[in-house]
Amino acid sequence: MEIKLKNKVVNFDKLKIFGFVDGLYKKNICDNQFKLIITVAQDGRIFTKLEDNFSGEEYILHLVENSVGEYVGNVRAEYEKVLADFVESCCDSNIFGGEMTQKLIRYVRTTYGDELEFLWENYPTTAIWRRKDSKKWYGLLNTLSEKKLKLDSEKIVDVVNLRGDALKLVDNEKFFPAWHMNKKSWLTIRLDNSVPLEEVCRLLDESYKLAVK
């Protein structure tokens, strides 16, 4: 079963310390009757499976809301405790909860192996991606009001700043002057599907290429 966490993201550097081997963690629970398996995919998705150590079959009653009783309650409690320990030990807070934003984060992780860096304690809704070789930024995620993009709206949206030919692309509808960055070489895009994800990823790839030594 896939586990979706709200405002949390896996920190891959912490998995080995917790006991993961190649994205897989196993722990016996309920007096060794069950084996809990947690799998973290390369794109950060989390899956769990509970196996009966005696029959080898998968146990799922702990996931059924209307399944009650002392036995299933005990199984559910131990399952949730291990999962809570995993989240506490291996996951970081992530304020970028938008679906499109999460897809972009997964794209960067699987394509370039880069994680967001939160550099400013006083600005927790701002994070950057940078190349490993040149150390130069190629993307900046932020959460802000559309009013700051000169739009007639107070709606809070996730945006990404990318390197590119801003003078050519900016139209103040889909592509905006870079928020708090060089407006000639950076532009801002709302992550609200006003620009298709495929196009955002293409522009991010171009931004990555521009962030060279």
Protein backbone atom coordinates (compact mmCIF):
# COMPACT_ATOMS: atom_id res chain seq x y z
CA MET A 1 0.00 0.00 0.00
CA GLU A 2 1.27 3.47 -0.85
CA ILE A 3 1.55 5.84 2.11
CA LYS A 4 1.06 9.52 1.34
CA LEU A 5 2.42 11.97 3.88
CA LYS A 6 1.15 15.53 4.15
CA ASN A 7 3.87 18.20 4.13
CA LYS A 8 6.61 15.60 4.58
CA VAL A 9 9.33 14.37 2.24
CA VAL A 10 11.78 11.47 2.59
CA ASN A 11 15.35 12.44 3.42
CA PHE A 12 17.33 9.73 1.62
CA ASP A 13 20.46 10.46 3.63
CA LYS A 14 18.68 9.29 6.79
CA LEU A 15 17.39 5.94 5.48
CA LYS A 16 20.59 3.95 6.03
CA ILE A 17 20.87 5.12 9.63
CA PHE A 18 17.30 3.94 10.27
CA GLY A 19 18.12 0.51 8.85
CA PHE A 20 17.15 0.67 5.18
CA VAL A 21 19.10 -1.40 2.66
CA ASP A 22 18.61 -0.48 -1.00
CA GLY A 23 15.37 1.32 -0.22
CA LEU A 24 13.97 -1.56 1.85
CA TYR A 25 13.31 -1.82 5.60
CA LYS A 26 12.02 -4.91 7.41
CA LYS A 27 10.93 -5.28 11.02
CA ASN A 28 9.15 -8.07 12.88
CA ILE A 29 6.22 -6.93 15.02
CA CYS A 30 3.53 -8.49 17.22
CA ASP A 31 5.87 -11.03 18.84
CA ASN A 32 7.38 -11.89 15.45
CA GLN A 33 4.07 -12.95 13.96
CA PHE A 34 4.23 -10.29 11.25
CA LYS A 35 6.98 -8.74 9.15
CA LEU A 36 6.49 -5.08 8.30
CA ILE A 37 8.19 -4.07 5.05
CA ILE A 38 8.65 -0.41 4.17
CA THR A 39 9.83 0.41 0.66
CA VAL A 40 10.98 3.86 -0.46
CA ALA A 41 11.03 4.24 -4.24
CA GLN A 42 13.62 6.36 -6.03
CA ASP A 43 11.04 9.09 -6.58
CA GLY A 44 10.30 9.29 -2.84
CA ARG A 45 7.04 7.36 -2.78
CA ILE A 46 6.50 5.15 0.27
CA PHE A 47 4.93 1.70 0.32
CA THR A 48 4.20 -0.69 3.18
CA LYS A 49 3.36 -4.37 3.33
CA LEU A 50 2.59 -6.59 6.32
CA GLU A 51 3.35 -10.28 5.89
CA ASP A 52 2.35 -13.16 8.15
CA ASN A 53 5.61 -14.88 9.05
CA PHE A 54 3.90 -18.26 9.36
CA SER A 55 1.70 -18.34 6.26
CA GLY A 56 3.65 -15.89 4.10
CA GLU A 57 0.40 -14.19 3.17
CA GLU A 58 -0.20 -10.45 3.26
CA TYR A 59 -2.24 -9.11 6.18
CA ILE A 60 -4.47 -6.11 5.44
CA LEU A 61 -7.10 -5.91 8.20
CA HIS A 62 -5.10 -3.22 10.01
CA LEU A 63 -5.78 -0.97 7.01
CA VAL A 64 -9.55 -1.50 7.04
CA GLU A 65 -11.21 1.33 8.99
CA ASN A 66 -14.24 -0.64 10.14
CA SER A 67 -12.13 -3.62 11.19
CA VAL A 68 -12.34 -3.73 15.00
CA GLY A 69 -11.33 -5.99 17.84
CA GLU A 70 -8.47 -6.31 20.29
CA TYR A 71 -6.26 -8.38 17.97
CA VAL A 72 -6.48 -6.18 14.89
CA GLY A 73 -6.24 -3.14 17.17
CA ASN A 74 -2.92 -4.36 18.56
CA VAL A 75 -1.58 -5.06 15.06
CA ARG A 76 -2.67 -1.64 13.87
CA ALA A 77 -1.07 0.05 16.88
CA GLU A 78 2.33 -1.62 16.35
CA TYR A 79 2.20 -0.96 12.61
CA GLU A 80 1.43 2.73 13.15
CA LYS A 81 4.18 3.04 15.78
CA VAL A 82 6.86 1.76 13.40
CA LEU A 83 5.53 4.00 10.64
CA ALA A 84 5.54 7.00 12.99
CA ASP A 85 9.16 6.22 13.99
CA PHE A 86 10.09 6.06 10.31
CA VAL A 87 8.46 9.43 9.56
CA GLU A 88 10.09 11.03 12.59
CA SER A 89 13.53 9.65 11.77
CA CYS A 90 13.61 9.70 7.97
CA CYS A 91 11.32 12.48 6.78
CA ASP A 92 11.68 16.25 6.72
CA SER A 93 9.02 18.93 6.69
CA ASN A 94 8.01 20.02 3.22
CA ILE A 95 5.73 23.00 2.84
CA PHE A 96 5.35 22.50 -0.91
CA GLY A 97 2.23 20.39 -0.89
CA GLY A 98 0.84 21.15 -4.34
CA GLU A 99 0.39 18.15 -6.62
CA MET A 100 2.26 19.71 -9.52
CA THR A 101 5.03 20.91 -7.22
CA GLN A 102 5.46 17.41 -5.81
CA LYS A 103 5.67 15.98 -9.34
CA LEU A 104 8.37 18.51 -10.20
CA ILE A 105 10.31 17.64 -7.03
CA ARG A 106 10.13 13.94 -7.97
CA TYR A 107 11.26 14.75 -11.52
CA VAL A 108 14.35 16.57 -10.24
CA ARG A 109 15.11 13.77 -7.79
CA THR A 110 14.89 10.99 -10.38
CA THR A 111 16.54 12.96 -13.22
CA TYR A 112 19.37 14.74 -11.40
CA GLY A 113 19.44 13.16 -7.95
CA ASP A 114 19.11 16.58 -6.32
CA GLU A 115 17.12 17.47 -3.21
CA LEU A 116 15.76 20.87 -2.21
CA GLU A 117 18.01 22.97 0.02
CA PHE A 118 16.37 25.31 2.51
CA LEU A 119 19.03 27.97 2.98
CA TRP A 120 17.19 30.68 4.87
CA GLU A 121 15.82 30.08 8.36
CA ASN A 122 13.69 33.23 8.16
CA TYR A 123 12.22 32.16 4.79
CA PRO A 124 10.98 28.58 5.30
CA THR A 125 8.87 28.67 2.11
CA THR A 126 11.89 29.21 -0.13
CA ALA A 127 14.25 26.47 -1.31
CA ILE A 128 16.72 25.94 -4.13
CA TRP A 129 18.13 23.25 -6.41
CA ARG A 130 21.78 23.43 -7.38
CA ARG A 131 24.09 21.42 -9.59
CA LYS A 132 26.55 19.16 -7.80
CA ASP A 133 29.46 20.07 -10.08
CA SER A 134 29.23 23.84 -10.48
CA LYS A 135 27.29 24.46 -7.24
CA LYS A 136 25.19 26.94 -9.19
CA TRP A 137 21.44 27.16 -8.70
CA TYR A 138 19.16 26.05 -11.51
CA GLY A 139 15.83 26.33 -9.70
CA LEU A 140 14.18 28.08 -6.80
CA LEU A 141 10.84 27.08 -5.29
CA ASN A 142 8.75 29.61 -3.41
CA THR A 143 5.24 30.10 -2.11
CA LEU A 144 3.75 33.55 -2.57
CA SER A 145 0.64 35.59 -3.29
CA GLU A 146 -0.30 36.08 -6.94
CA LYS A 147 -0.47 39.77 -6.07
CA LYS A 148 3.34 39.77 -6.06
CA LEU A 149 3.24 38.68 -9.70
CA LYS A 150 1.13 41.75 -10.52
CA LEU A 151 -2.04 39.67 -10.78
CA ASP A 152 -5.36 40.76 -9.33
CA SER A 153 -5.53 37.94 -6.81
CA GLU A 154 -4.41 37.18 -3.26
CA LYS A 155 -4.30 33.44 -3.97
CA ILE A 156 -1.23 31.70 -2.52
CA VAL A 157 0.57 29.59 -5.10
CA ASP A 158 3.76 27.58 -5.47
CA VAL A 159 6.13 29.06 -8.06
CA VAL A 160 9.44 28.04 -9.53
CA ASN A 161 12.20 30.37 -10.72
CA LEU A 162 14.27 29.02 -13.62
CA ARG A 163 17.18 30.27 -15.67
CA GLY A 164 16.22 31.19 -19.21
CA ASP A 165 15.70 33.90 -21.80
CA ALA A 166 13.24 35.89 -19.70
CA LEU A 167 13.08 38.79 -22.16
CA LYS A 168 11.81 36.38 -24.79
CA LEU A 169 9.48 34.23 -22.67
CA VAL A 170 7.86 36.58 -20.14
CA ASP A 171 4.25 37.35 -21.05
CA ASN A 172 2.83 38.14 -17.57
CA GLU A 173 0.23 35.44 -18.06
CA LYS A 174 2.13 32.16 -17.98
CA PHE A 175 5.68 33.40 -17.53
CA PHE A 176 6.52 36.24 -15.15
CA PRO A 177 9.54 38.40 -14.31
CA ALA A 178 11.64 36.51 -11.78
CA TRP A 179 10.55 37.14 -8.22
CA HIS A 180 13.52 38.61 -6.29
CA MET A 181 16.05 37.47 -8.92
CA ASN A 182 17.73 38.79 -12.06
CA LYS A 183 14.85 39.53 -14.42
CA LYS A 184 16.96 39.17 -17.55
CA SER A 185 18.24 35.67 -16.93
CA TRP A 186 15.54 34.19 -14.65
CA LEU A 187 11.75 33.86 -14.93
CA THR A 188 8.94 32.74 -12.62
CA ILE A 189 6.31 30.09 -13.41
CA ARG A 190 3.24 29.28 -11.33
CA LEU A 191 2.93 25.58 -10.50
CA ASP A 192 -0.84 25.50 -10.92
CA ASN A 193 -1.04 23.77 -14.32
CA SER A 194 -1.25 27.11 -16.16
CA VAL A 195 1.91 25.81 -17.81
CA PRO A 196 1.88 22.01 -18.44
CA LEU A 197 4.26 19.99 -16.31
CA GLU A 198 6.04 18.66 -19.41
CA GLU A 199 6.90 22.21 -20.48
CA VAL A 200 8.05 23.17 -16.97
CA CYS A 201 10.33 20.11 -16.92
CA ARG A 202 11.73 21.04 -20.34
CA LEU A 203 12.48 24.56 -19.14
CA LEU A 204 14.02 23.17 -15.95
CA ASP A 205 16.30 20.97 -18.07
CA GLU A 206 17.39 24.08 -19.98
CA SER A 207 17.96 25.89 -16.69
CA TYR A 208 20.12 23.00 -15.50
CA LYS A 209 22.25 23.24 -18.64
CA LEU A 210 22.69 26.98 -18.13
CA ALA A 211 23.94 26.51 -14.56
CA VAL A 212 27.41 25.44 -15.62
CA LYS A 213 30.81 26.60 -14.48
